[in-house]
Amino acid sequence: MDRFNRDSHIVFFTGAGISAESGISTFRDPDGHWSKYDPMKLASPKGFRDDPELVLSWYASRRKTIIEAEPHAGHYTITQFQKLFPNSLVITQNVDGLHARAGNDPVWELHGNIHREKCNTCGQEGNSQAVEDGIHHCRCGGMLRPDVVWFGESLPFGLIEKSLATAGECDILFSIGTSTQIYPAAHLPFQALEHGAYTIEINIDKTPFSAHADLIVEDTAGNALPKLFEEFYAALS
C-alpha cells in the first residue's frame, strides 16, 4: 500500500456479480434473465421490431425487480473509497443504477441504464410525445426503447475508448464481480495491468483475469471491499 497516496488514480470496474448480492440475478444463473426466455427476442433490435410490447413489458418487470433491490455494503464502500481517493471512478457493465443510488460518483455505464429510454429511430434520449398501445413514441415518430446495449449492438465508441484510456492511466484497478469474458469491456483490467497498475480482483469465481491479478480475493464485494478499505485507510492515515 506504500506506493499509493490520496492522489492515486483508482478505477472500479464492475460486473453483474456486484449486483447479484442485491438480489439481481446474473445472465449466467440457472434462474437468471435468459433461463426462461430467448435473449434474441427480448434484447435485440430485431426482437424489438418484431414484438415491441413483449420487450417493453419484460423490461418493465426487470425494472420493478431492480427498483425493489437495494445497494449493499460493497456499493457504499466504493463511495468511501471515492472520498478517500478523489481521482477515482466507477466503470460498470451493469444497467441497474445501483452505483449511483449508493452515492458512487462519477459512474460510467458502458451498457446503458435500464431506467432511461431512447428513440429506436433517431437515438435521442427519451423525448416521449405520444403513447399508442402502451408504446411511447419520440417526437420524430420512432418508438422509445430501454437505453441499454442489446445483442448485436456496439458499445458507445467514445465511452469505451475513454474507459480503456482511463484504465491505462490508473494506479489501481479493482475488477469486481465481472467474468472478464464480455469484450471489449473485458480489456479494461488487462489494459491497466499492461500499463503498470496494481490490480485487485474480487470475485467468488475464477475468471480469465485471475491468473494475472496482483491480488485475488475470492469473496463477495460486500464482504471484501469494507476490509480492503480499512487497510487502505490505515495505510494512508
C-alpha atoms as a PDB file:
ATOM      1  CA  MET A   1       0.000   0.000   0.000  1.00  0.00           C
ATOM      2  CA  ASP A   2       3.012   2.303   0.471  1.00  0.00           C
ATOM      3  CA  ARG A   3       3.210   3.074  -3.237  1.00  0.00           C
ATOM      4  CA  PHE A   4      -0.182   4.809  -3.203  1.00  0.00           C
ATOM      5  CA  ASN A   5      -1.413   8.143  -1.856  1.00  0.00           C
ATOM      6  CA  ARG A   6      -4.620  10.146  -1.882  1.00  0.00           C
ATOM      7  CA  ASP A   7      -3.793  11.470  -5.364  1.00  0.00           C
ATOM      8  CA  SER A   8      -3.603   7.963  -6.835  1.00  0.00           C
ATOM      9  CA  HIS A   9      -5.998   7.242  -9.672  1.00  0.00           C
ATOM     10  CA  ILE A  10      -8.426   4.392  -8.938  1.00  0.00           C
ATOM     11  CA  VAL A  11     -10.802   2.559 -11.289  1.00  0.00           C
ATOM     12  CA  PHE A  12     -13.567   0.287 -10.018  1.00  0.00           C
ATOM     13  CA  PHE A  13     -14.562  -1.973 -12.910  1.00  0.00           C
ATOM     14  CA  THR A  14     -17.753  -3.829 -12.017  1.00  0.00           C
ATOM     15  CA  GLY A  15     -19.958  -6.509 -13.483  1.00  0.00           C
ATOM     16  CA  ALA A  16     -23.109  -8.467 -12.713  1.00  0.00           C
ATOM     17  CA  GLY A  17     -21.616 -10.146  -9.644  1.00  0.00           C
ATOM     18  CA  ILE A  18     -21.744  -6.986  -7.550  1.00  0.00           C
ATOM     19  CA  SER A  19     -25.447  -6.590  -8.335  1.00  0.00           C
ATOM     20  CA  ALA A  20     -26.155 -10.261  -7.593  1.00  0.00           C
ATOM     21  CA  GLU A  21     -25.540  -9.515  -3.906  1.00  0.00           C
ATOM     22  CA  SER A  22     -28.501  -7.142  -4.072  1.00  0.00           C
ATOM     23  CA  GLY A  23     -30.727  -9.910  -5.420  1.00  0.00           C
ATOM     24  CA  ILE A  24     -30.439  -9.082  -9.121  1.00  0.00           C
ATOM     25  CA  SER A  25     -29.727 -12.388 -10.857  1.00  0.00           C
ATOM     26  CA  THR A  26     -26.952 -12.577 -13.432  1.00  0.00           C
ATOM     27  CA  PHE A  27     -27.317 -13.744 -17.014  1.00  0.00           C
ATOM     28  CA  ARG A  28     -25.427 -16.945 -16.229  1.00  0.00           C
ATOM     29  CA  ASP A  29     -27.508 -18.014 -13.230  1.00  0.00           C
ATOM     30  CA  PRO A  30     -29.713 -21.108 -13.736  1.00  0.00           C
ATOM     31  CA  ASP A  31     -32.652 -18.850 -12.823  1.00  0.00           C
ATOM     32  CA  GLY A  32     -31.146 -15.773 -14.444  1.00  0.00           C
ATOM     33  CA  HIS A  33     -32.552 -13.362 -17.000  1.00  0.00           C
ATOM     34  CA  TRP A  34     -32.242 -15.650 -20.006  1.00  0.00           C
ATOM     35  CA  SER A  35     -33.019 -19.049 -18.445  1.00  0.00           C
ATOM     36  CA  LYS A  36     -36.680 -18.888 -19.447  1.00  0.00           C
ATOM     37  CA  TYR A  37     -36.520 -16.605 -22.481  1.00  0.00           C
ATOM     38  CA  ASP A  38     -34.807 -16.307 -25.820  1.00  0.00           C
ATOM     39  CA  PRO A  39     -32.463 -13.313 -25.452  1.00  0.00           C
ATOM     40  CA  MET A  40     -32.723 -12.552 -29.149  1.00  0.00           C
ATOM     41  CA  LYS A  41     -36.457 -11.937 -28.693  1.00  0.00           C
ATOM     42  CA  LEU A  42     -36.037  -9.705 -25.660  1.00  0.00           C
ATOM     43  CA  ALA A  43     -32.724  -7.932 -26.084  1.00  0.00           C
ATOM     44  CA  SER A  44     -32.029  -7.385 -29.745  1.00  0.00           C
ATOM     45  CA  PRO A  45     -33.105  -4.780 -32.312  1.00  0.00           C
ATOM     46  CA  LYS A  46     -34.921  -7.471 -34.311  1.00  0.00           C
ATOM     47  CA  GLY A  47     -36.769  -8.717 -31.244  1.00  0.00           C
ATOM     48  CA  PHE A  48     -37.968  -5.185 -30.546  1.00  0.00           C
ATOM     49  CA  ARG A  49     -39.095  -4.654 -34.138  1.00  0.00           C
ATOM     50  CA  ASP A  50     -40.971  -7.987 -34.130  1.00  0.00           C
ATOM     51  CA  ASP A  51     -42.776  -7.571 -30.805  1.00  0.00           C
ATOM     52  CA  PRO A  52     -42.139  -4.270 -29.028  1.00  0.00           C
ATOM     53  CA  GLU A  53     -44.924  -4.844 -26.484  1.00  0.00           C
ATOM     54  CA  LEU A  54     -43.330  -8.118 -25.317  1.00  0.00           C
ATOM     55  CA  VAL A  55     -39.917  -6.494 -24.971  1.00  0.00           C
ATOM     56  CA  LEU A  56     -41.217  -3.443 -23.131  1.00  0.00           C
ATOM     57  CA  SER A  57     -43.318  -5.499 -20.714  1.00  0.00           C
ATOM     58  CA  TRP A  58     -40.335  -7.719 -19.904  1.00  0.00           C
ATOM     59  CA  TYR A  59     -38.126  -4.712 -19.236  1.00  0.00           C
ATOM     60  CA  ALA A  60     -40.849  -3.171 -17.078  1.00  0.00           C
ATOM     61  CA  SER A  61     -40.776  -6.343 -14.978  1.00  0.00           C
ATOM     62  CA  ARG A  62     -36.972  -6.160 -14.717  1.00  0.00           C
ATOM     63  CA  ARG A  63     -37.137  -2.520 -13.657  1.00  0.00           C
ATOM     64  CA  LYS A  64     -39.594  -3.426 -10.903  1.00  0.00           C
ATOM     65  CA  THR A  65     -37.182  -6.059  -9.560  1.00  0.00           C
ATOM     66  CA  ILE A  66     -34.285  -3.614  -9.723  1.00  0.00           C
ATOM     67  CA  ILE A  67     -36.198  -0.799  -8.017  1.00  0.00           C
ATOM     68  CA  GLU A  68     -37.041  -3.152  -5.151  1.00  0.00           C
ATOM     69  CA  ALA A  69     -33.348  -4.083  -4.757  1.00  0.00           C
ATOM     70  CA  GLU A  70     -31.011  -2.075  -2.529  1.00  0.00           C
ATOM     71  CA  PRO A  71     -27.306  -1.238  -2.800  1.00  0.00           C
ATOM     72  CA  HIS A  72     -25.191  -3.239  -0.346  1.00  0.00           C
ATOM     73  CA  ALA A  73     -22.035  -2.688   1.693  1.00  0.00           C
ATOM     74  CA  GLY A  74     -19.831  -3.120  -1.369  1.00  0.00           C
ATOM     75  CA  HIS A  75     -21.549  -0.283  -3.222  1.00  0.00           C
ATOM     76  CA  TYR A  76     -21.409   2.005  -0.206  1.00  0.00           C
ATOM     77  CA  THR A  77     -17.749   1.205   0.435  1.00  0.00           C
ATOM     78  CA  ILE A  78     -16.912   2.374  -3.084  1.00  0.00           C
ATOM     79  CA  THR A  79     -18.357   5.739  -2.058  1.00  0.00           C
ATOM     80  CA  GLN A  80     -15.972   5.739   0.910  1.00  0.00           C
ATOM     81  CA  PHE A  81     -13.087   4.899  -1.387  1.00  0.00           C
ATOM     82  CA  GLN A  82     -14.050   7.766  -3.689  1.00  0.00           C
ATOM     83  CA  LYS A  83     -13.948  10.197  -0.773  1.00  0.00           C
ATOM     84  CA  LEU A  84     -10.515   8.880   0.224  1.00  0.00           C
ATOM     85  CA  PHE A  85      -9.247   8.939  -3.366  1.00  0.00           C
ATOM     86  CA  PRO A  86     -10.760  11.933  -5.223  1.00  0.00           C
ATOM     87  CA  ASN A  87      -9.261  10.725  -8.510  1.00  0.00           C
ATOM     88  CA  SER A  88     -11.434   7.631  -8.748  1.00  0.00           C
ATOM     89  CA  LEU A  89     -14.384   6.476 -10.777  1.00  0.00           C
ATOM     90  CA  VAL A  90     -16.636   3.504 -11.426  1.00  0.00           C
ATOM     91  CA  ILE A  91     -16.807   1.913 -14.860  1.00  0.00           C
ATOM     92  CA  THR A  92     -19.662  -0.582 -14.854  1.00  0.00           C
ATOM     93  CA  GLN A  93     -21.185  -3.104 -17.210  1.00  0.00           C
ATOM     94  CA  ASN A  94     -24.387  -3.041 -15.143  1.00  0.00           C
ATOM     95  CA  VAL A  95     -27.511  -1.159 -16.195  1.00  0.00           C
ATOM     96  CA  ASP A  96     -29.344  -1.163 -12.858  1.00  0.00           C
ATOM     97  CA  GLY A  97     -28.216   2.197 -11.444  1.00  0.00           C
ATOM     98  CA  LEU A  98     -27.287   0.767  -8.023  1.00  0.00           C
ATOM     99  CA  HIS A  99     -23.898   2.504  -8.066  1.00  0.00           C
ATOM    100  CA  ALA A 100     -25.494   5.927  -8.334  1.00  0.00           C
ATOM    101  CA  ARG A 101     -28.072   5.079  -5.656  1.00  0.00           C
ATOM    102  CA  ALA A 102     -25.192   4.261  -3.296  1.00  0.00           C
ATOM    103  CA  GLY A 103     -23.604   7.647  -3.955  1.00  0.00           C
ATOM    104  CA  ASN A 104     -20.854   6.470  -6.293  1.00  0.00           C
ATOM    105  CA  ASP A 105     -19.779   9.379  -8.498  1.00  0.00           C
ATOM    106  CA  PRO A 106     -18.661   9.510 -11.223  1.00  0.00           C
ATOM    107  CA  VAL A 107     -20.078   6.338 -12.781  1.00  0.00           C
ATOM    108  CA  TRP A 108     -19.584   5.441 -16.436  1.00  0.00           C
ATOM    109  CA  GLU A 109     -22.242   2.983 -17.640  1.00  0.00           C
ATOM    110  CA  LEU A 110     -20.821   1.046 -20.572  1.00  0.00           C
ATOM    111  CA  HIS A 111     -24.047  -0.823 -21.319  1.00  0.00           C
ATOM    112  CA  GLY A 112     -26.502   1.982 -20.620  1.00  0.00           C
ATOM    113  CA  ASN A 113     -29.162   2.372 -17.960  1.00  0.00           C
ATOM    114  CA  ILE A 114     -32.432   0.450 -17.790  1.00  0.00           C
ATOM    115  CA  HIS A 115     -34.202   3.415 -16.168  1.00  0.00           C
ATOM    116  CA  ARG A 116     -33.704   5.603 -19.259  1.00  0.00           C
ATOM    117  CA  GLU A 117     -35.360   5.439 -22.656  1.00  0.00           C
ATOM    118  CA  LYS A 118     -34.043   6.341 -26.069  1.00  0.00           C
ATOM    119  CA  CYS A 119     -35.576   6.505 -29.519  1.00  0.00           C
ATOM    120  CA  ASN A 120     -35.132   3.389 -31.613  1.00  0.00           C
ATOM    121  CA  THR A 121     -35.059   5.563 -34.749  1.00  0.00           C
ATOM    122  CA  CYS A 122     -33.100   8.747 -34.041  1.00  0.00           C
ATOM    123  CA  GLY A 123     -31.276   7.566 -30.924  1.00  0.00           C
ATOM    124  CA  GLN A 124     -32.163  10.622 -28.861  1.00  0.00           C
ATOM    125  CA  GLU A 125     -32.765  10.104 -25.166  1.00  0.00           C
ATOM    126  CA  GLY A 126     -36.385   9.888 -24.002  1.00  0.00           C
ATOM    127  CA  ASN A 127     -38.451  12.588 -25.747  1.00  0.00           C
ATOM    128  CA  SER A 128     -41.819  10.915 -25.291  1.00  0.00           C
ATOM    129  CA  GLN A 129     -44.504  12.755 -27.244  1.00  0.00           C
ATOM    130  CA  ALA A 130     -47.298  10.212 -27.632  1.00  0.00           C
ATOM    131  CA  VAL A 131     -48.411   6.826 -26.337  1.00  0.00           C
ATOM    132  CA  GLU A 132     -50.011   4.216 -28.569  1.00  0.00           C
ATOM    133  CA  ASP A 133     -50.926   0.724 -27.302  1.00  0.00           C
ATOM    134  CA  GLY A 134     -48.660   1.292 -24.307  1.00  0.00           C
ATOM    135  CA  ILE A 135     -45.711   2.203 -26.524  1.00  0.00           C
ATOM    136  CA  HIS A 136     -44.100   5.595 -26.112  1.00  0.00           C
ATOM    137  CA  HIS A 137     -43.105   7.463 -29.251  1.00  0.00           C
ATOM    138  CA  CYS A 138     -40.395  10.046 -29.807  1.00  0.00           C
ATOM    139  CA  ARG A 139     -41.231  13.391 -31.375  1.00  0.00           C
ATOM    140  CA  CYS A 140     -39.593  12.043 -34.541  1.00  0.00           C
ATOM    141  CA  GLY A 141     -42.210   9.270 -34.610  1.00  0.00           C
ATOM    142  CA  GLY A 142     -39.909   6.432 -33.602  1.00  0.00           C
ATOM    143  CA  MET A 143     -40.630   4.057 -30.722  1.00  0.00           C
ATOM    144  CA  LEU A 144     -38.845   4.536 -27.416  1.00  0.00           C
ATOM    145  CA  ARG A 145     -36.899   1.575 -26.046  1.00  0.00           C
ATOM    146  CA  PRO A 146     -34.722   0.918 -22.993  1.00  0.00           C
ATOM    147  CA  ASP A 147     -31.440   2.815 -23.209  1.00  0.00           C
ATOM    148  CA  VAL A 148     -29.306  -0.320 -22.916  1.00  0.00           C
ATOM    149  CA  VAL A 149     -26.919  -2.063 -25.283  1.00  0.00           C
ATOM    150  CA  TRP A 150     -28.587  -5.067 -26.894  1.00  0.00           C
ATOM    151  CA  PHE A 151     -27.132  -8.140 -28.537  1.00  0.00           C
ATOM    152  CA  GLY A 152     -25.726  -7.216 -31.921  1.00  0.00           C
ATOM    153  CA  GLU A 153     -25.138  -3.596 -30.896  1.00  0.00           C
ATOM    154  CA  SER A 154     -21.807  -1.921 -30.203  1.00  0.00           C
ATOM    155  CA  LEU A 155     -20.860  -0.094 -27.034  1.00  0.00           C
ATOM    156  CA  PRO A 156     -20.793   3.695 -27.392  1.00  0.00           C
ATOM    157  CA  PHE A 157     -17.459   4.218 -29.166  1.00  0.00           C
ATOM    158  CA  GLY A 158     -16.437   7.347 -27.328  1.00  0.00           C
ATOM    159  CA  LEU A 159     -17.197   5.851 -23.926  1.00  0.00           C
ATOM    160  CA  ILE A 160     -15.328   2.567 -24.398  1.00  0.00           C
ATOM    161  CA  GLU A 161     -12.326   4.396 -25.850  1.00  0.00           C
ATOM    162  CA  LYS A 162     -12.312   6.799 -22.907  1.00  0.00           C
ATOM    163  CA  SER A 163     -12.658   3.890 -20.483  1.00  0.00           C
ATOM    164  CA  LEU A 164      -9.739   1.985 -21.996  1.00  0.00           C
ATOM    165  CA  ALA A 165      -7.582   5.113 -21.893  1.00  0.00           C
ATOM    166  CA  THR A 166      -8.513   5.718 -18.247  1.00  0.00           C
ATOM    167  CA  ALA A 167      -7.716   2.114 -17.318  1.00  0.00           C
ATOM    168  CA  GLY A 168      -4.355   2.517 -18.998  1.00  0.00           C
ATOM    169  CA  GLU A 169      -3.547   5.553 -16.857  1.00  0.00           C
ATOM    170  CA  CYS A 170      -4.790   4.416 -13.438  1.00  0.00           C
ATOM    171  CA  ASP A 171      -2.669   3.373 -10.462  1.00  0.00           C
ATOM    172  CA  ILE A 172      -5.075   0.780  -9.050  1.00  0.00           C
ATOM    173  CA  LEU A 173      -7.857  -1.131 -10.778  1.00  0.00           C
ATOM    174  CA  PHE A 174     -10.439  -3.185  -8.905  1.00  0.00           C
ATOM    175  CA  SER A 175     -12.136  -5.824 -11.065  1.00  0.00           C
ATOM    176  CA  ILE A 176     -15.289  -6.638  -9.115  1.00  0.00           C
ATOM    177  CA  GLY A 177     -17.897  -9.273  -9.916  1.00  0.00           C
ATOM    178  CA  THR A 178     -17.120  -9.389 -13.609  1.00  0.00           C
ATOM    179  CA  SER A 179     -16.399 -12.528 -15.601  1.00  0.00           C
ATOM    180  CA  THR A 180     -13.958 -10.622 -17.873  1.00  0.00           C
ATOM    181  CA  GLN A 181     -15.428 -12.545 -20.783  1.00  0.00           C
ATOM    182  CA  ILE A 182     -17.542  -9.850 -22.425  1.00  0.00           C
ATOM    183  CA  TYR A 183     -15.461  -7.790 -24.853  1.00  0.00           C
ATOM    184  CA  PRO A 184     -14.475  -5.075 -25.451  1.00  0.00           C
ATOM    185  CA  ALA A 185     -15.127  -4.187 -21.789  1.00  0.00           C
ATOM    186  CA  ALA A 186     -13.082  -7.190 -20.612  1.00  0.00           C
ATOM    187  CA  HIS A 187      -9.969  -5.480 -21.973  1.00  0.00           C
ATOM    188  CA  LEU A 188     -10.036  -2.918 -19.140  1.00  0.00           C
ATOM    189  CA  PRO A 189      -8.228  -4.870 -16.388  1.00  0.00           C
ATOM    190  CA  PHE A 190      -5.679  -6.175 -18.873  1.00  0.00           C
ATOM    191  CA  GLN A 191      -5.125  -2.634 -20.127  1.00  0.00           C
ATOM    192  CA  ALA A 192      -4.459  -1.475 -16.563  1.00  0.00           C
ATOM    193  CA  LEU A 193      -2.115  -4.375 -15.894  1.00  0.00           C
ATOM    194  CA  GLU A 194      -0.177  -3.771 -19.099  1.00  0.00           C
ATOM    195  CA  HIS A 195       0.483  -0.161 -18.079  1.00  0.00           C
ATOM    196  CA  GLY A 196       1.728  -0.971 -14.595  1.00  0.00           C
ATOM    197  CA  ALA A 197      -1.371  -0.555 -12.439  1.00  0.00           C
ATOM    198  CA  TYR A 198      -1.854  -2.632  -9.305  1.00  0.00           C
ATOM    199  CA  THR A 199      -4.850  -4.873  -9.997  1.00  0.00           C
ATOM    200  CA  ILE A 200      -7.230  -6.403  -7.469  1.00  0.00           C
ATOM    201  CA  GLU A 201      -9.828  -8.963  -8.476  1.00  0.00           C
ATOM    202  CA  ILE A 202     -12.832  -9.543  -6.201  1.00  0.00           C
ATOM    203  CA  ASN A 203     -14.934 -12.460  -7.391  1.00  0.00           C
ATOM    204  CA  ILE A 204     -16.384 -15.640  -5.932  1.00  0.00           C
ATOM    205  CA  ASP A 205     -15.363 -17.454  -9.138  1.00  0.00           C
ATOM    206  CA  LYS A 206     -12.129 -17.737 -11.065  1.00  0.00           C
ATOM    207  CA  THR A 207     -12.017 -15.690 -14.285  1.00  0.00           C
ATOM    208  CA  PRO A 208      -9.647 -15.345 -17.238  1.00  0.00           C
ATOM    209  CA  PHE A 209      -8.077 -12.417 -15.369  1.00  0.00           C
ATOM    210  CA  SER A 210      -7.451 -14.317 -12.113  1.00  0.00           C
ATOM    211  CA  ALA A 211      -4.050 -15.627 -13.164  1.00  0.00           C
ATOM    212  CA  HIS A 212      -2.860 -12.085 -13.890  1.00  0.00           C
ATOM    213  CA  ALA A 213      -4.198 -10.002 -10.991  1.00  0.00           C
ATOM    214  CA  ASP A 214      -1.788  -8.780  -8.315  1.00  0.00           C
ATOM    215  CA  LEU A 215      -4.293  -9.616  -5.580  1.00  0.00           C
ATOM    216  CA  ILE A 216      -7.171 -12.090  -5.818  1.00  0.00           C
ATOM    217  CA  VAL A 217      -9.954 -12.016  -3.231  1.00  0.00           C
ATOM    218  CA  GLU A 218     -12.339 -14.946  -3.629  1.00  0.00           C
ATOM    219  CA  ASP A 219     -15.256 -13.349  -1.830  1.00  0.00           C
ATOM    220  CA  THR A 220     -18.242 -11.103  -2.423  1.00  0.00           C
ATOM    221  CA  ALA A 221     -17.789  -7.376  -2.821  1.00  0.00           C
ATOM    222  CA  GLY A 222     -19.960  -6.782   0.234  1.00  0.00           C
ATOM    223  CA  ASN A 223     -17.504  -8.719   2.393  1.00  0.00           C
ATOM    224  CA  ALA A 224     -14.230  -7.862   0.691  1.00  0.00           C
ATOM    225  CA  LEU A 225     -14.461  -4.134  -0.026  1.00  0.00           C
ATOM    226  CA  PRO A 226     -15.059  -2.933   3.569  1.00  0.00           C
ATOM    227  CA  LYS A 227     -11.996  -4.928   4.739  1.00  0.00           C
ATOM    228  CA  LEU A 228      -9.842  -3.584   1.911  1.00  0.00           C
ATOM    229  CA  PHE A 229     -10.999  -0.052   2.621  1.00  0.00           C
ATOM    230  CA  GLU A 230      -9.875  -0.363   6.228  1.00  0.00           C
ATOM    231  CA  GLU A 231      -6.433  -1.469   5.026  1.00  0.00           C
ATOM    232  CA  PHE A 232      -6.131   1.420   2.582  1.00  0.00           C
ATOM    233  CA  TYR A 233      -7.414   3.908   5.143  1.00  0.00           C
ATOM    234  CA  ALA A 234      -4.961   2.708   7.788  1.00  0.00           C
ATOM    235  CA  ALA A 235      -2.057   2.870   5.342  1.00  0.00           C
ATOM    236  CA  LEU A 236      -2.867   6.459   4.382  1.00  0.00           C
ATOM    237  CA  SER A 237      -3.584   7.740   7.900  1.00  0.00           C
END
